């Protein structure tokens, strides 16, 4: 789903909203004003120098890190008991 940048006319807050292209944000994330304006931004493309990942690699890395964190937290709790 694409991300869109908005700016509040009342408080000048900029915020990002993820939604379909035929939808729009309805209020400012900070002051809840209805007076918001979509900001024109460029789209993101990976640079040729960006590291290449296979499908699911980042997710696997995240899961491994989360498991390691949980194991650390468990061992710390066991030490406290």
N, C-alpha and C. Protein backbone atom coordinates (compact mmCIF):
# COMPACT_ATOMS: atom_id res chain seq x y z
N UNK A 1 0.85 -1.17 0.00
CA UNK A 1 0.00 0.00 0.00
C UNK A 1 0.90 1.24 0.00
N UNK A 2 0.61 2.21 -0.85
CA UNK A 2 1.47 3.40 -0.91
C UNK A 2 1.33 4.30 0.31
N UNK A 3 2.39 5.07 0.54
CA UNK A 3 2.40 6.04 1.65
C UNK A 3 2.30 7.43 1.05
N UNK A 4 1.53 8.29 1.70
CA UNK A 4 1.35 9.66 1.26
C UNK A 4 1.71 10.61 2.38
N UNK A 5 2.36 11.70 2.01
CA UNK A 5 2.73 12.74 2.97
C UNK A 5 1.67 13.84 2.96
N UNK A 6 1.33 14.32 4.14
CA UNK A 6 0.35 15.40 4.28
C UNK A 6 0.94 16.48 5.17
N UNK A 7 0.44 17.71 5.01
CA UNK A 7 0.81 18.82 5.89
C UNK A 7 -0.49 19.47 6.38
N UNK A 8 -0.53 19.72 7.67
CA UNK A 8 -1.69 20.38 8.27
C UNK A 8 -1.59 21.89 8.01
N UNK A 9 -2.65 22.48 7.56
CA UNK A 9 -2.67 23.91 7.28
C UNK A 9 -2.68 24.71 8.59
N UNK A 10 -3.28 24.15 9.65
CA UNK A 10 -3.40 24.86 10.92
C UNK A 10 -2.11 24.83 11.75
N UNK A 11 -1.50 23.65 11.90
CA UNK A 11 -0.34 23.55 12.80
C UNK A 11 0.98 23.26 12.07
N UNK A 12 0.94 23.12 10.75
CA UNK A 12 2.11 22.86 9.90
C UNK A 12 2.78 21.51 10.15
N UNK A 13 2.13 20.64 10.88
CA UNK A 13 2.67 19.29 11.12
C UNK A 13 2.67 18.50 9.81
N UNK A 14 3.77 17.79 9.55
CA UNK A 14 3.83 16.89 8.40
C UNK A 14 3.72 15.47 8.91
N UNK A 15 2.93 14.65 8.23
CA UNK A 15 2.76 13.28 8.66
C UNK A 15 2.53 12.38 7.46
N UNK A 16 2.82 11.11 7.66
CA UNK A 16 2.73 10.12 6.60
C UNK A 16 1.54 9.20 6.88
N UNK A 17 0.75 8.92 5.84
CA UNK A 17 -0.40 8.03 5.97
C UNK A 17 -0.31 6.98 4.87
N UNK A 18 -0.60 5.76 5.23
CA UNK A 18 -0.59 4.67 4.26
C UNK A 18 -2.04 4.33 3.91
N UNK A 19 -2.38 4.45 2.62
CA UNK A 19 -3.73 4.14 2.19
C UNK A 19 -3.76 3.92 0.68
N UNK A 20 -4.88 3.47 0.17
CA UNK A 20 -5.04 3.28 -1.27
C UNK A 20 -5.09 4.63 -1.97
N UNK A 21 -4.78 4.64 -3.25
CA UNK A 21 -4.71 5.91 -3.99
C UNK A 21 -6.06 6.61 -4.10
N UNK A 22 -7.16 5.88 -4.04
CA UNK A 22 -8.47 6.51 -4.15
C UNK A 22 -9.02 6.98 -2.80
N UNK A 23 -8.23 6.81 -1.73
CA UNK A 23 -8.61 7.29 -0.41
C UNK A 23 -7.75 8.49 -0.05
N UNK A 24 -8.05 9.13 1.07
CA UNK A 24 -7.21 10.23 1.54
C UNK A 24 -7.30 10.31 3.06
N UNK A 25 -6.30 10.96 3.65
CA UNK A 25 -6.32 11.18 5.09
C UNK A 25 -7.45 12.15 5.40
N UNK A 26 -8.01 12.03 6.59
CA UNK A 26 -9.16 12.88 6.93
C UNK A 26 -8.84 13.96 7.97
N UNK A 27 -7.75 13.74 8.75
CA UNK A 27 -7.43 14.75 9.77
C UNK A 27 -5.95 14.71 10.13
N UNK A 28 -5.50 15.81 10.71
CA UNK A 28 -4.11 15.94 11.14
C UNK A 28 -3.82 14.95 12.26
N UNK A 29 -2.67 14.33 12.20
CA UNK A 29 -2.29 13.36 13.23
C UNK A 29 -2.03 14.03 14.58
N UNK A 30 -1.67 15.31 14.58
CA UNK A 30 -1.34 15.99 15.84
C UNK A 30 -2.52 16.78 16.41
N UNK A 31 -3.07 17.71 15.61
CA UNK A 31 -4.11 18.60 16.16
C UNK A 31 -5.53 18.19 15.77
N UNK A 32 -5.66 17.16 14.97
CA UNK A 32 -6.96 16.61 14.53
C UNK A 32 -7.75 17.57 13.65
N UNK A 33 -7.09 18.56 13.08
CA UNK A 33 -7.74 19.49 12.16
C UNK A 33 -8.10 18.76 10.87
N UNK A 34 -9.17 19.16 10.25
CA UNK A 34 -9.60 18.58 8.97
C UNK A 34 -8.95 19.29 7.79
N UNK A 35 -8.23 20.39 8.07
CA UNK A 35 -7.61 21.18 7.00
C UNK A 35 -6.20 20.68 6.73
N UNK A 36 -6.10 19.67 5.87
CA UNK A 36 -4.81 19.08 5.53
C UNK A 36 -4.63 19.11 4.02
N UNK A 37 -3.37 19.06 3.59
CA UNK A 37 -3.05 19.11 2.18
C UNK A 37 -2.02 18.04 1.86
N UNK A 38 -2.25 17.31 0.78
CA UNK A 38 -1.30 16.28 0.36
C UNK A 38 -0.06 16.95 -0.20
N UNK A 39 1.12 16.45 0.19
CA UNK A 39 2.40 16.99 -0.27
C UNK A 39 2.90 16.13 -1.43
N UNK A 40 3.34 16.78 -2.48
CA UNK A 40 3.89 16.06 -3.62
C UNK A 40 5.28 15.55 -3.26
N UNK A 41 5.49 14.25 -3.36
CA UNK A 41 6.78 13.65 -3.05
C UNK A 41 7.20 12.73 -4.20
N UNK A 42 8.46 12.37 -4.23
CA UNK A 42 8.93 11.44 -5.24
C UNK A 42 8.75 10.02 -4.72
N UNK A 43 8.72 9.07 -5.62
CA UNK A 43 8.57 7.69 -5.20
C UNK A 43 9.95 7.09 -4.94
N UNK A 44 9.96 6.04 -4.17
CA UNK A 44 11.22 5.44 -3.75
C UNK A 44 11.57 4.27 -4.65
N UNK A 45 12.81 4.24 -5.09
CA UNK A 45 13.33 3.09 -5.85
C UNK A 45 14.65 2.68 -5.24
N UNK A 46 14.94 1.41 -5.22
CA UNK A 46 16.22 0.98 -4.66
C UNK A 46 17.38 1.45 -5.53
N UNK A 47 18.44 1.87 -4.91
CA UNK A 47 19.61 2.30 -5.67
C UNK A 47 20.40 1.07 -6.10
N UNK A 48 21.17 1.18 -7.16
CA UNK A 48 21.97 0.04 -7.60
C UNK A 48 22.97 -0.43 -6.53
N UNK A 49 23.37 0.49 -5.64
CA UNK A 49 24.33 0.14 -4.59
C UNK A 49 23.65 -0.50 -3.38
N UNK A 50 22.32 -0.50 -3.35
CA UNK A 50 21.60 -1.07 -2.21
C UNK A 50 21.86 -2.57 -2.15
N UNK A 51 21.96 -3.11 -0.93
CA UNK A 51 22.19 -4.56 -0.82
C UNK A 51 21.02 -5.34 -1.38
N UNK A 52 21.32 -6.46 -2.01
CA UNK A 52 20.28 -7.31 -2.60
C UNK A 52 19.88 -8.37 -1.58
N UNK A 53 18.58 -8.50 -1.35
CA UNK A 53 18.06 -9.50 -0.43
C UNK A 53 17.16 -10.45 -1.20
N UNK A 54 17.19 -11.70 -0.80
CA UNK A 54 16.25 -12.64 -1.41
C UNK A 54 14.91 -12.48 -0.69
N UNK A 55 13.85 -12.94 -1.32
CA UNK A 55 12.50 -12.80 -0.77
C UNK A 55 12.44 -13.50 0.59
N UNK A 56 11.99 -12.79 1.59
CA UNK A 56 11.84 -13.33 2.93
C UNK A 56 13.08 -13.25 3.80
N UNK A 57 14.21 -12.83 3.24
CA UNK A 57 15.44 -12.78 4.02
C UNK A 57 15.35 -11.79 5.17
N UNK A 58 14.82 -10.62 4.90
CA UNK A 58 14.70 -9.61 5.97
C UNK A 58 13.77 -10.10 7.08
N UNK A 59 12.69 -10.78 6.70
CA UNK A 59 11.76 -11.31 7.69
C UNK A 59 12.44 -12.37 8.54
N UNK A 60 13.20 -13.26 7.89
CA UNK A 60 13.92 -14.29 8.64
C UNK A 60 14.90 -13.67 9.63
N UNK A 61 15.61 -12.64 9.19
CA UNK A 61 16.56 -11.96 10.08
C UNK A 61 15.83 -11.33 11.27
N UNK A 62 14.69 -10.70 11.00
CA UNK A 62 13.91 -10.08 12.07
C UNK A 62 13.45 -11.14 13.07
N UNK A 63 12.97 -12.28 12.58
CA UNK A 63 12.49 -13.34 13.47
C UNK A 63 13.63 -13.88 14.32
N UNK A 64 14.80 -14.10 13.71
CA UNK A 64 15.95 -14.59 14.47
C UNK A 64 16.34 -13.61 15.57
N UNK A 65 16.37 -12.32 15.25
CA UNK A 65 16.71 -11.31 16.24
C UNK A 65 15.68 -11.29 17.37
N UNK A 66 14.41 -11.40 17.01
CA UNK A 66 13.34 -11.39 18.02
C UNK A 66 13.46 -12.60 18.93
N UNK A 67 13.77 -13.77 18.36
CA UNK A 67 13.94 -14.98 19.17
C UNK A 67 15.11 -14.82 20.13
N UNK A 68 16.21 -14.27 19.63
CA UNK A 68 17.38 -14.05 20.50
C UNK A 68 17.03 -13.10 21.64
N UNK A 69 16.30 -12.04 21.33
CA UNK A 69 15.89 -11.09 22.37
C UNK A 69 15.01 -11.76 23.41
N UNK A 70 14.06 -12.59 22.95
CA UNK A 70 13.18 -13.29 23.89
C UNK A 70 13.96 -14.26 24.77
N UNK A 71 14.92 -14.97 24.19
CA UNK A 71 15.72 -15.89 24.98
C UNK A 71 16.54 -15.15 26.04
N UNK A 72 17.08 -13.99 25.66
CA UNK A 72 17.82 -13.17 26.62
C UNK A 72 16.92 -12.72 27.76
N UNK A 73 15.72 -12.26 27.41
CA UNK A 73 14.79 -11.80 28.43
C UNK A 73 14.38 -12.94 29.35
N UNK A 74 14.18 -14.14 28.78
CA UNK A 74 13.82 -15.31 29.60
C UNK A 74 14.94 -15.64 30.58
N UNK A 75 16.18 -15.64 30.08
CA UNK A 75 17.29 -15.99 30.97
C UNK A 75 17.45 -14.93 32.07
N UNK A 76 17.22 -13.67 31.76
CA UNK A 76 17.30 -12.62 32.78
C UNK A 76 16.21 -12.80 33.83
N UNK A 77 15.01 -13.19 33.40
CA UNK A 77 13.93 -13.43 34.35
C UNK A 77 14.25 -14.65 35.22
N UNK A 78 14.82 -15.70 34.62
CA UNK A 78 15.17 -16.89 35.39
C UNK A 78 16.22 -16.57 36.46
N UNK A 79 17.16 -15.70 36.13
CA UNK A 79 18.20 -15.29 37.08
C UNK A 79 17.61 -14.53 38.26
N UNK A 80 16.54 -13.77 38.02
CA UNK A 80 15.92 -12.99 39.08
C UNK A 80 15.12 -13.86 40.03
N UNK A 81 14.72 -15.04 39.61
CA UNK A 81 13.87 -15.91 40.45
C UNK A 81 14.67 -16.66 41.44
